Amino acid sequence: MFKETNQIINKLISKKITLSTVESCTGGMLTQEITSVSGASKVFKFGIVAYSNQSKVKYLKVPLKIIKIYGSVSKQCCRAMLNNLSKISKSEINIAITGVAGPNGGSKLKPVGLVYIGIKKGKRIEINEYFFKNKNRDNIRISSVKKSLGLIKKFI
Protein backbone atom coordinates (compact mmCIF):
# COMPACT_ATOMS: atom_id res chain seq x y z
CA MET A 1 0.00 0.00 0.00
CA PHE A 2 2.72 2.50 1.02
CA LYS A 3 6.22 2.80 -0.46
CA GLU A 4 7.92 3.33 2.88
CA THR A 5 6.67 0.08 4.43
CA ASN A 6 9.42 -2.00 2.78
CA GLN A 7 12.06 0.46 3.96
CA ILE A 8 10.68 0.45 7.50
CA ILE A 9 10.63 -3.35 7.71
CA ASN A 10 14.13 -3.62 6.25
CA LYS A 11 15.41 -1.06 8.76
CA LEU A 12 13.76 -2.97 11.64
CA ILE A 13 15.37 -6.19 10.38
CA SER A 14 18.84 -4.64 10.00
CA LYS A 15 18.65 -3.16 13.52
CA LYS A 16 17.01 -6.30 14.97
CA ILE A 17 14.14 -4.24 16.44
CA THR A 18 10.85 -6.03 17.11
CA LEU A 19 7.42 -4.48 16.66
CA SER A 20 3.88 -5.16 17.93
CA THR A 21 0.60 -3.34 17.36
CA VAL A 22 -2.80 -2.87 18.96
CA GLU A 23 -5.50 -1.37 16.78
CA SER A 24 -9.06 -0.29 17.28
CA CYS A 25 -10.51 1.97 14.57
CA THR A 26 -8.09 0.67 11.91
CA GLY A 27 -9.28 -2.90 12.49
CA GLY A 28 -5.93 -4.53 11.69
CA MET A 29 -5.01 -2.38 8.68
CA LEU A 30 -1.59 -1.48 10.13
CA THR A 31 -0.87 -5.13 10.85
CA GLN A 32 -1.94 -6.03 7.31
CA GLU A 33 0.35 -3.35 5.89
CA ILE A 34 3.33 -4.57 7.92
CA THR A 35 2.77 -8.25 7.15
CA SER A 36 2.39 -7.55 3.42
CA VAL A 37 6.19 -7.22 3.35
CA SER A 38 8.12 -10.43 2.83
CA GLY A 39 10.43 -11.04 5.79
CA ALA A 40 8.35 -9.00 8.25
CA SER A 41 8.05 -12.12 10.43
CA LYS A 42 11.67 -11.55 11.47
CA VAL A 43 10.64 -8.45 13.42
CA PHE A 44 6.85 -8.35 13.73
CA LYS A 45 5.70 -10.24 16.83
CA PHE A 46 1.92 -9.75 16.69
CA GLY A 47 -1.01 -7.44 16.26
CA ILE A 48 -4.15 -7.23 18.35
CA VAL A 49 -7.45 -5.78 17.18
CA ALA A 50 -9.19 -4.55 20.33
CA TYR A 51 -12.28 -3.09 18.72
CA SER A 52 -14.76 -3.17 21.59
CA ASN A 53 -14.40 -1.53 24.99
CA GLN A 54 -14.83 -4.99 26.54
CA SER A 55 -11.78 -6.30 24.66
CA LYS A 56 -9.72 -3.30 25.73
CA VAL A 57 -10.61 -3.99 29.36
CA LYS A 58 -10.39 -7.80 29.29
CA TYR A 59 -7.32 -8.40 27.14
CA LEU A 60 -5.36 -5.15 27.36
CA LYS A 61 -6.22 -4.46 31.01
CA VAL A 62 -7.33 -0.90 30.24
CA PRO A 63 -8.97 0.20 33.49
CA LEU A 64 -12.74 0.49 33.04
CA LYS A 65 -12.46 3.75 34.98
CA ILE A 66 -10.41 5.27 32.12
CA ILE A 67 -13.06 4.31 29.57
CA LYS A 68 -15.88 5.62 31.77
CA ILE A 69 -14.17 8.95 32.53
CA TYR A 70 -12.28 9.69 29.29
CA GLY A 71 -13.77 7.26 26.76
CA SER A 72 -12.07 4.70 24.55
CA VAL A 73 -11.09 7.46 22.14
CA SER A 74 -8.73 9.40 24.41
CA LYS A 75 -5.06 9.95 25.15
CA GLN A 76 -5.55 8.12 28.44
CA CYS A 77 -7.01 5.01 26.79
CA CYS A 78 -4.37 5.04 24.07
CA ARG A 79 -1.61 5.25 26.70
CA ALA A 80 -3.10 2.34 28.68
CA MET A 81 -3.44 0.25 25.49
CA LEU A 82 0.17 1.04 24.60
CA ASN A 83 1.65 0.34 28.03
CA ASN A 84 -0.15 -2.97 28.39
CA LEU A 85 0.73 -4.05 24.85
CA SER A 86 4.35 -3.34 25.73
CA LYS A 87 4.11 -5.59 28.80
CA ILE A 88 2.46 -8.40 26.82
CA SER A 89 4.61 -8.25 23.68
CA LYS A 90 8.07 -7.46 25.04
CA SER A 91 8.70 -5.82 21.64
CA GLU A 92 11.17 -2.96 21.35
CA ILE A 93 8.58 -0.82 19.55
CA ASN A 94 4.85 -0.92 20.31
CA ILE A 95 2.12 1.13 18.67
CA ALA A 96 -1.53 1.70 19.64
CA ILE A 97 -4.34 3.27 17.60
CA THR A 98 -7.81 4.30 18.79
CA GLY A 99 -10.24 6.70 17.16
CA VAL A 100 -13.54 7.43 15.43
CA ALA A 101 -13.44 6.29 11.79
CA GLY A 102 -17.14 7.03 11.15
CA PRO A 103 -19.29 7.67 9.37
CA ASN A 104 -21.26 7.26 12.64
CA GLY A 105 -20.16 7.30 16.25
CA GLY A 106 -18.80 10.80 16.44
CA SER A 107 -19.86 13.57 18.82
CA LYS A 108 -19.07 17.26 19.33
CA LEU A 109 -16.31 16.34 21.76
CA LYS A 110 -15.08 13.37 19.74
CA PRO A 111 -15.90 13.97 16.08
CA VAL A 112 -15.46 11.52 13.23
CA GLY A 113 -11.80 11.73 12.22
CA LEU A 114 -10.38 12.04 15.76
CA VAL A 115 -7.61 9.47 16.20
CA TYR A 116 -4.99 8.89 18.90
CA ILE A 117 -1.81 7.06 17.98
CA GLY A 118 0.69 6.12 20.65
CA ILE A 119 4.14 4.68 20.19
CA LYS A 120 6.61 3.38 22.75
CA LYS A 121 10.26 2.41 22.45
CA GLY A 122 11.92 1.64 25.76
CA LYS A 123 10.93 4.43 28.12
CA ARG A 124 10.22 6.86 25.29
CA ILE A 125 6.46 7.32 24.78
CA GLU A 126 4.66 9.62 22.39
CA ILE A 127 0.88 9.94 22.22
CA ASN A 128 -0.39 12.00 19.28
CA GLU A 129 -3.85 13.38 18.59
CA TYR A 130 -4.86 13.66 14.95
CA PHE A 131 -7.95 15.03 13.34
CA PHE A 132 -8.47 13.78 9.80
CA LYS A 133 -10.92 16.13 8.11
CA ASN A 134 -11.89 13.80 5.28
CA LYS A 135 -14.93 12.09 6.83
CA ASN A 136 -14.63 9.03 4.59
CA ARG A 137 -14.11 5.94 6.79
CA ASP A 138 -11.49 4.37 4.55
CA ASN A 139 -9.55 7.63 4.25
CA ILE A 140 -9.47 8.05 8.03
CA ARG A 141 -8.24 4.49 8.50
CA ILE A 142 -5.62 4.80 5.74
CA SER A 143 -4.43 8.16 7.10
CA SER A 144 -4.09 6.56 10.56
CA VAL A 145 -1.93 3.77 9.13
CA LYS A 146 0.23 6.27 7.23
CA LYS A 147 0.78 8.36 10.39
CA SER A 148 1.61 5.18 12.33
CA LEU A 149 4.23 4.17 9.78
CA GLY A 150 5.75 7.64 10.04
CA LEU A 151 5.97 7.29 13.81
CA ILE A 152 7.58 3.86 13.54
CA LYS A 153 10.14 5.27 11.08
CA LYS A 154 10.87 8.15 13.49
CA PHE A 155 11.36 5.76 16.45
CA ILE A 156 13.64 3.24 14.73
C-alpha atoms as a PDB file:
ATOM      1  CA  MET A   1       0.000   0.000   0.000  1.00  0.00           C
ATOM      2  CA  PHE A   2       2.721   2.502   1.019  1.00  0.00           C
ATOM      3  CA  LYS A   3       6.218   2.797  -0.465  1.00  0.00           C
ATOM      4  CA  GLU A   4       7.918   3.328   2.878  1.00  0.00           C
ATOM      5  CA  THR A   5       6.666   0.083   4.434  1.00  0.00           C
ATOM      6  CA  ASN A   6       9.417  -2.000   2.779  1.00  0.00           C
ATOM      7  CA  GLN A   7      12.064   0.459   3.964  1.00  0.00           C
ATOM      8  CA  ILE A   8      10.682   0.445   7.500  1.00  0.00           C
ATOM      9  CA  ILE A   9      10.627  -3.351   7.712  1.00  0.00           C
ATOM     10  CA  ASN A  10      14.135  -3.619   6.250  1.00  0.00           C
ATOM     11  CA  LYS A  11      15.415  -1.060   8.764  1.00  0.00           C
ATOM     12  CA  LEU A  12      13.764  -2.967  11.641  1.00  0.00           C
ATOM     13  CA  ILE A  13      15.367  -6.193  10.377  1.00  0.00           C
ATOM     14  CA  SER A  14      18.835  -4.643  10.004  1.00  0.00           C
ATOM     15  CA  LYS A  15      18.652  -3.157  13.516  1.00  0.00           C
ATOM     16  CA  LYS A  16      17.011  -6.297  14.969  1.00  0.00           C
ATOM     17  CA  ILE A  17      14.139  -4.236  16.435  1.00  0.00           C
ATOM     18  CA  THR A  18      10.852  -6.033  17.105  1.00  0.00           C
ATOM     19  CA  LEU A  19       7.418  -4.476  16.662  1.00  0.00           C
ATOM     20  CA  SER A  20       3.882  -5.162  17.929  1.00  0.00           C
ATOM     21  CA  THR A  21       0.597  -3.344  17.360  1.00  0.00           C
ATOM     22  CA  VAL A  22      -2.795  -2.867  18.962  1.00  0.00           C
ATOM     23  CA  GLU A  23      -5.500  -1.367  16.782  1.00  0.00           C
ATOM     24  CA  SER A  24      -9.058  -0.289  17.283  1.00  0.00           C
ATOM     25  CA  CYS A  25     -10.508   1.975  14.565  1.00  0.00           C
ATOM     26  CA  THR A  26      -8.094   0.666  11.910  1.00  0.00           C
ATOM     27  CA  GLY A  27      -9.275  -2.896  12.488  1.00  0.00           C
ATOM     28  CA  GLY A  28      -5.931  -4.528  11.692  1.00  0.00           C
ATOM     29  CA  MET A  29      -5.015  -2.376   8.684  1.00  0.00           C
ATOM     30  CA  LEU A  30      -1.594  -1.484  10.127  1.00  0.00           C
ATOM     31  CA  THR A  31      -0.866  -5.130  10.850  1.00  0.00           C
ATOM     32  CA  GLN A  32      -1.945  -6.029   7.312  1.00  0.00           C
ATOM     33  CA  GLU A  33       0.348  -3.349   5.886  1.00  0.00           C
ATOM     34  CA  ILE A  34       3.328  -4.568   7.924  1.00  0.00           C
ATOM     35  CA  THR A  35       2.771  -8.253   7.153  1.00  0.00           C
ATOM     36  CA  SER A  36       2.390  -7.547   3.424  1.00  0.00           C
ATOM     37  CA  VAL A  37       6.191  -7.220   3.350  1.00  0.00           C
ATOM     38  CA  SER A  38       8.124 -10.433   2.830  1.00  0.00           C
ATOM     39  CA  GLY A  39      10.427 -11.035   5.795  1.00  0.00           C
ATOM     40  CA  ALA A  40       8.348  -9.002   8.249  1.00  0.00           C
ATOM     41  CA  SER A  41       8.046 -12.115  10.428  1.00  0.00           C
ATOM     42  CA  LYS A  42      11.668 -11.550  11.470  1.00  0.00           C
ATOM     43  CA  VAL A  43      10.636  -8.448  13.416  1.00  0.00           C
ATOM     44  CA  PHE A  44       6.852  -8.350  13.725  1.00  0.00           C
ATOM     45  CA  LYS A  45       5.704 -10.241  16.833  1.00  0.00           C
ATOM     46  CA  PHE A  46       1.916  -9.754  16.694  1.00  0.00           C
ATOM     47  CA  GLY A  47      -1.010  -7.443  16.259  1.00  0.00           C
ATOM     48  CA  ILE A  48      -4.154  -7.232  18.352  1.00  0.00           C
ATOM     49  CA  VAL A  49      -7.447  -5.780  17.184  1.00  0.00           C
ATOM     50  CA  ALA A  50      -9.192  -4.549  20.327  1.00  0.00           C
ATOM     51  CA  TYR A  51     -12.283  -3.089  18.718  1.00  0.00           C
ATOM     52  CA  SER A  52     -14.758  -3.171  21.593  1.00  0.00           C
ATOM     53  CA  ASN A  53     -14.403  -1.531  24.993  1.00  0.00           C
ATOM     54  CA  GLN A  54     -14.830  -4.991  26.541  1.00  0.00           C
ATOM     55  CA  SER A  55     -11.777  -6.302  24.660  1.00  0.00           C
ATOM     56  CA  LYS A  56      -9.717  -3.297  25.730  1.00  0.00           C
ATOM     57  CA  VAL A  57     -10.614  -3.988  29.363  1.00  0.00           C
ATOM     58  CA  LYS A  58     -10.389  -7.796  29.289  1.00  0.00           C
ATOM     59  CA  TYR A  59      -7.317  -8.395  27.145  1.00  0.00           C
ATOM     60  CA  LEU A  60      -5.365  -5.148  27.363  1.00  0.00           C
ATOM     61  CA  LYS A  61      -6.224  -4.458  31.011  1.00  0.00           C
ATOM     62  CA  VAL A  62      -7.333  -0.901  30.236  1.00  0.00           C
ATOM     63  CA  PRO A  63      -8.971   0.201  33.495  1.00  0.00           C
ATOM     64  CA  LEU A  64     -12.740   0.493  33.043  1.00  0.00           C
ATOM     65  CA  LYS A  65     -12.462   3.748  34.976  1.00  0.00           C
ATOM     66  CA  ILE A  66     -10.405   5.268  32.117  1.00  0.00           C
ATOM     67  CA  ILE A  67     -13.058   4.311  29.567  1.00  0.00           C
ATOM     68  CA  LYS A  68     -15.882   5.620  31.772  1.00  0.00           C
ATOM     69  CA  ILE A  69     -14.169   8.946  32.526  1.00  0.00           C
ATOM     70  CA  TYR A  70     -12.281   9.691  29.292  1.00  0.00           C
ATOM     71  CA  GLY A  71     -13.766   7.261  26.762  1.00  0.00           C
ATOM     72  CA  SER A  72     -12.072   4.698  24.552  1.00  0.00           C
ATOM     73  CA  VAL A  73     -11.085   7.459  22.136  1.00  0.00           C
ATOM     74  CA  SER A  74      -8.731   9.404  24.411  1.00  0.00           C
ATOM     75  CA  LYS A  75      -5.058   9.946  25.145  1.00  0.00           C
ATOM     76  CA  GLN A  76      -5.545   8.121  28.439  1.00  0.00           C
ATOM     77  CA  CYS A  77      -7.008   5.012  26.792  1.00  0.00           C
ATOM     78  CA  CYS A  78      -4.366   5.039  24.066  1.00  0.00           C
ATOM     79  CA  ARG A  79      -1.615   5.246  26.703  1.00  0.00           C
ATOM     80  CA  ALA A  80      -3.104   2.338  28.684  1.00  0.00           C
ATOM     81  CA  MET A  81      -3.442   0.247  25.487  1.00  0.00           C
ATOM     82  CA  LEU A  82       0.168   1.040  24.599  1.00  0.00           C
ATOM     83  CA  ASN A  83       1.649   0.340  28.030  1.00  0.00           C
ATOM     84  CA  ASN A  84      -0.153  -2.967  28.394  1.00  0.00           C
ATOM     85  CA  LEU A  85       0.728  -4.055  24.848  1.00  0.00           C
ATOM     86  CA  SER A  86       4.347  -3.339  25.730  1.00  0.00           C
ATOM     87  CA  LYS A  87       4.114  -5.594  28.796  1.00  0.00           C
ATOM     88  CA  ILE A  88       2.465  -8.397  26.823  1.00  0.00           C
ATOM     89  CA  SER A  89       4.607  -8.249  23.684  1.00  0.00           C
ATOM     90  CA  LYS A  90       8.071  -7.464  25.036  1.00  0.00           C
ATOM     91  CA  SER A  91       8.700  -5.818  21.639  1.00  0.00           C
ATOM     92  CA  GLU A  92      11.172  -2.960  21.353  1.00  0.00           C
ATOM     93  CA  ILE A  93       8.577  -0.820  19.548  1.00  0.00           C
ATOM     94  CA  ASN A  94       4.852  -0.921  20.314  1.00  0.00           C
ATOM     95  CA  ILE A  95       2.122   1.128  18.669  1.00  0.00           C
ATOM     96  CA  ALA A  96      -1.525   1.704  19.643  1.00  0.00           C
ATOM     97  CA  ILE A  97      -4.344   3.273  17.596  1.00  0.00           C
ATOM     98  CA  THR A  98      -7.814   4.298  18.786  1.00  0.00           C
ATOM     99  CA  GLY A  99     -10.244   6.696  17.159  1.00  0.00           C
ATOM    100  CA  VAL A 100     -13.539   7.433  15.427  1.00  0.00           C
ATOM    101  CA  ALA A 101     -13.436   6.292  11.789  1.00  0.00           C
ATOM    102  CA  GLY A 102     -17.138   7.028  11.146  1.00  0.00           C
ATOM    103  CA  PRO A 103     -19.295   7.666   9.374  1.00  0.00           C
ATOM    104  CA  ASN A 104     -21.258   7.260  12.641  1.00  0.00           C
ATOM    105  CA  GLY A 105     -20.162   7.305  16.255  1.00  0.00           C
ATOM    106  CA  GLY A 106     -18.797  10.804  16.436  1.00  0.00           C
ATOM    107  CA  SER A 107     -19.862  13.566  18.820  1.00  0.00           C
ATOM    108  CA  LYS A 108     -19.070  17.257  19.331  1.00  0.00           C
ATOM    109  CA  LEU A 109     -16.311  16.339  21.762  1.00  0.00           C
ATOM    110  CA  LYS A 110     -15.076  13.370  19.736  1.00  0.00           C
ATOM    111  CA  PRO A 111     -15.897  13.967  16.078  1.00  0.00           C
ATOM    112  CA  VAL A 112     -15.460  11.519  13.231  1.00  0.00           C
ATOM    113  CA  GLY A 113     -11.802  11.727  12.222  1.00  0.00           C
ATOM    114  CA  LEU A 114     -10.382  12.042  15.756  1.00  0.00           C
ATOM    115  CA  VAL A 115      -7.608   9.466  16.198  1.00  0.00           C
ATOM    116  CA  TYR A 116      -4.994   8.889  18.898  1.00  0.00           C
ATOM    117  CA  ILE A 117      -1.815   7.057  17.977  1.00  0.00           C
ATOM    118  CA  GLY A 118       0.685   6.118  20.652  1.00  0.00           C
ATOM    119  CA  ILE A 119       4.145   4.683  20.191  1.00  0.00           C
ATOM    120  CA  LYS A 120       6.606   3.379  22.748  1.00  0.00           C
ATOM    121  CA  LYS A 121      10.258   2.408  22.455  1.00  0.00           C
ATOM    122  CA  GLY A 122      11.921   1.636  25.755  1.00  0.00           C
ATOM    123  CA  LYS A 123      10.928   4.426  28.125  1.00  0.00           C
ATOM    124  CA  ARG A 124      10.218   6.857  25.289  1.00  0.00           C
ATOM    125  CA  ILE A 125       6.462   7.319  24.776  1.00  0.00           C
ATOM    126  CA  GLU A 126       4.663   9.616  22.393  1.00  0.00           C
ATOM    127  CA  ILE A 127       0.875   9.941  22.215  1.00  0.00           C
ATOM    128  CA  ASN A 128      -0.387  11.998  19.282  1.00  0.00           C
ATOM    129  CA  GLU A 129      -3.847  13.376  18.594  1.00  0.00           C
ATOM    130  CA  TYR A 130      -4.860  13.663  14.950  1.00  0.00           C
ATOM    131  CA  PHE A 131      -7.951  15.033  13.335  1.00  0.00           C
ATOM    132  CA  PHE A 132      -8.470  13.784   9.801  1.00  0.00           C
ATOM    133  CA  LYS A 133     -10.917  16.126   8.105  1.00  0.00           C
ATOM    134  CA  ASN A 134     -11.893  13.804   5.281  1.00  0.00           C
ATOM    135  CA  LYS A 135     -14.929  12.090   6.826  1.00  0.00           C
ATOM    136  CA  ASN A 136     -14.630   9.032   4.595  1.00  0.00           C
ATOM    137  CA  ARG A 137     -14.114   5.941   6.788  1.00  0.00           C
ATOM    138  CA  ASP A 138     -11.490   4.367   4.548  1.00  0.00           C
ATOM    139  CA  ASN A 139      -9.549   7.626   4.252  1.00  0.00           C
ATOM    140  CA  ILE A 140      -9.474   8.047   8.032  1.00  0.00           C
ATOM    141  CA  ARG A 141      -8.243   4.493   8.499  1.00  0.00           C
ATOM    142  CA  ILE A 142      -5.617   4.800   5.737  1.00  0.00           C
ATOM    143  CA  SER A 143      -4.433   8.160   7.105  1.00  0.00           C
ATOM    144  CA  SER A 144      -4.087   6.562  10.555  1.00  0.00           C
ATOM    145  CA  VAL A 145      -1.929   3.766   9.128  1.00  0.00           C
ATOM    146  CA  LYS A 146       0.225   6.268   7.228  1.00  0.00           C
ATOM    147  CA  LYS A 147       0.782   8.364  10.387  1.00  0.00           C
ATOM    148  CA  SER A 148       1.606   5.184  12.332  1.00  0.00           C
ATOM    149  CA  LEU A 149       4.225   4.170   9.779  1.00  0.00           C
ATOM    150  CA  GLY A 150       5.753   7.643  10.037  1.00  0.00           C
ATOM    151  CA  LEU A 151       5.967   7.291  13.806  1.00  0.00           C
ATOM    152  CA  ILE A 152       7.580   3.857  13.539  1.00  0.00           C
ATOM    153  CA  LYS A 153      10.138   5.272  11.084  1.00  0.00           C
ATOM    154  CA  LYS A 154      10.873   8.151  13.491  1.00  0.00           C
ATOM    155  CA  PHE A 155      11.364   5.763  16.451  1.00  0.00           C
ATOM    156  CA  ILE A 156      13.643   3.244  14.727  1.00  0.00           C
END
